[in-house]
Amino acid sequence: MSIEDKNLIDLISVDKQGILVLTISDHLKWDDKNEHLLLLQEKINSYLDFIENGQLDESYPDKADKKIMIQIVFKYQPNKTAEDFLEKAGETVKGIGYGFNFYQLNQ
C-alpha cells in the first residue's frame, strides 16, 4: 500500500475524536520533477471518488455517520512546490466537507 497504487486505500482508522481517517502513505523522495505531485493528486482524487461514489459507506456501513478526513503521511519533507499543492488540495477537500491534514514521520 502506497502512493504508487492509486486504486487502494492505504489505511482507514477512527481517531480519538471519532473521525474516520483515510490515510495516504507517501514514501517517495521529492525532486524538481512533478511526477510525485501527479501521483499524489491521483491518489487524493481516488480517495475522494471512494468517498463520493458511496464505496466507503458500502464497505464500512457502521461508519457512515462519521466525519471524514484525508490524511497524508510523508516519509520525506515536501518541497515548496508540494507544500503549495497541499495547501490548495486541502482547501479543495475542506471545501467539499472533509478534513485534510498531512505530516512527515519523525526520522
Protein backbone atom coordinates (compact mmCIF):
# COMPACT_ATOMS: atom_id res chain seq x y z
CA MET A 1 0.00 0.00 0.00
CA SER A 2 1.46 3.29 -1.05
CA ILE A 3 1.01 6.41 -3.08
CA GLU A 4 2.03 4.43 -6.16
CA ASP A 5 -1.16 2.33 -6.09
CA LYS A 6 -3.96 4.79 -6.68
CA ASN A 7 -6.60 2.06 -6.61
CA LEU A 8 -6.05 1.10 -2.97
CA ILE A 9 -6.89 2.89 0.24
CA ASP A 10 -3.70 2.64 2.29
CA LEU A 11 -5.25 2.81 5.76
CA ILE A 12 -8.64 3.52 7.31
CA SER A 13 -8.94 4.23 11.03
CA VAL A 14 -11.03 6.14 13.55
CA ASP A 15 -9.20 8.75 15.63
CA LYS A 16 -9.81 9.72 19.27
CA GLN A 17 -12.42 12.30 18.23
CA GLY A 18 -14.37 9.68 16.28
CA ILE A 19 -13.31 10.98 12.86
CA LEU A 20 -12.90 8.41 10.11
CA VAL A 21 -9.36 8.92 8.79
CA LEU A 22 -8.32 7.73 5.34
CA THR A 23 -4.53 7.79 5.25
CA ILE A 24 -2.25 8.04 2.23
CA SER A 25 1.22 6.61 2.80
CA ASP A 26 3.85 8.53 0.81
CA HIS A 27 7.36 7.07 0.90
CA LEU A 28 8.77 8.80 -2.18
CA LYS A 29 11.57 11.38 -2.21
CA TRP A 30 10.89 14.82 -3.67
CA ASP A 31 12.69 16.24 -6.69
CA ASP A 32 12.17 19.02 -9.22
CA LYS A 33 10.02 16.86 -11.46
CA ASN A 34 6.27 16.91 -10.91
CA GLU A 35 5.75 13.15 -11.26
CA HIS A 36 5.44 12.79 -7.49
CA LEU A 37 2.82 15.54 -7.38
CA LEU A 38 0.86 13.84 -10.14
CA LEU A 39 0.84 10.58 -8.19
CA LEU A 40 -0.29 12.43 -5.08
CA GLN A 41 -3.05 14.24 -6.95
CA GLU A 42 -4.28 10.97 -8.46
CA LYS A 43 -4.27 9.30 -5.04
CA ILE A 44 -6.22 12.15 -3.42
CA ASN A 45 -8.73 12.05 -6.29
CA SER A 46 -9.10 8.28 -5.87
CA TYR A 47 -9.83 8.76 -2.17
CA LEU A 48 -12.44 11.39 -2.97
CA ASP A 49 -14.01 9.07 -5.56
CA PHE A 50 -14.09 6.28 -2.95
CA ILE A 51 -15.98 8.57 -0.57
CA GLU A 52 -18.24 10.32 -3.06
CA ASN A 53 -19.40 7.27 -5.02
CA GLY A 54 -20.56 5.50 -1.86
CA GLN A 55 -17.86 2.84 -1.69
CA LEU A 56 -16.81 3.99 1.77
CA ASP A 57 -20.35 3.67 3.14
CA GLU A 58 -20.78 0.35 1.36
CA SER A 59 -17.52 -1.04 2.73
CA TYR A 60 -17.97 0.37 6.24
CA PRO A 61 -21.71 0.84 6.84
CA ASP A 62 -21.19 1.17 10.60
CA LYS A 63 -19.01 4.25 9.95
CA ALA A 64 -21.46 6.06 7.64
CA ASP A 65 -22.28 8.73 10.23
CA LYS A 66 -18.65 9.67 10.96
CA LYS A 67 -16.89 12.83 9.89
CA ILE A 68 -14.21 12.06 7.31
CA MET A 69 -10.62 13.22 6.99
CA ILE A 70 -7.99 12.54 4.34
CA GLN A 71 -4.54 12.43 5.89
CA ILE A 72 -1.18 12.12 4.15
CA VAL A 73 1.86 10.75 5.96
CA PHE A 74 5.16 11.61 4.30
CA LYS A 75 8.47 9.85 4.79
CA TYR A 76 10.29 12.87 3.33
CA GLN A 77 9.66 16.56 3.89
CA PRO A 78 7.61 18.01 1.00
CA ASN A 79 9.38 20.66 -1.07
CA LYS A 80 7.97 24.16 -1.65
CA THR A 81 6.05 23.14 -4.78
CA ALA A 82 4.49 20.24 -2.88
CA GLU A 83 3.59 22.46 0.07
CA ASP A 84 1.82 24.88 -2.28
CA PHE A 85 -0.05 21.98 -3.87
CA LEU A 86 -1.02 20.57 -0.46
CA GLU A 87 -2.39 23.94 0.63
CA LYS A 88 -4.61 24.11 -2.47
CA ALA A 89 -5.61 20.45 -2.18
CA GLY A 90 -6.54 21.00 1.46
CA GLU A 91 -8.74 23.96 0.56
CA THR A 92 -10.50 21.87 -2.09
CA VAL A 93 -11.04 18.86 0.17
CA LYS A 94 -12.25 21.02 3.05
CA GLY A 95 -14.48 22.94 0.65
CA ILE A 96 -16.45 19.79 -0.11
CA GLY A 97 -16.85 18.94 3.56
CA TYR A 98 -13.97 16.69 4.56
CA GLY A 99 -10.99 17.23 6.80
CA PHE A 100 -7.48 17.28 5.40
CA ASN A 101 -4.07 17.18 7.01
CA PHE A 102 -0.55 15.95 6.40
CA TYR A 103 2.66 15.44 8.32
CA GLN A 104 6.13 13.97 7.99
CA LEU A 105 7.13 10.96 10.03
CA ASN A 106 9.88 11.61 12.55
CA GLN A 107 13.20 10.41 11.21
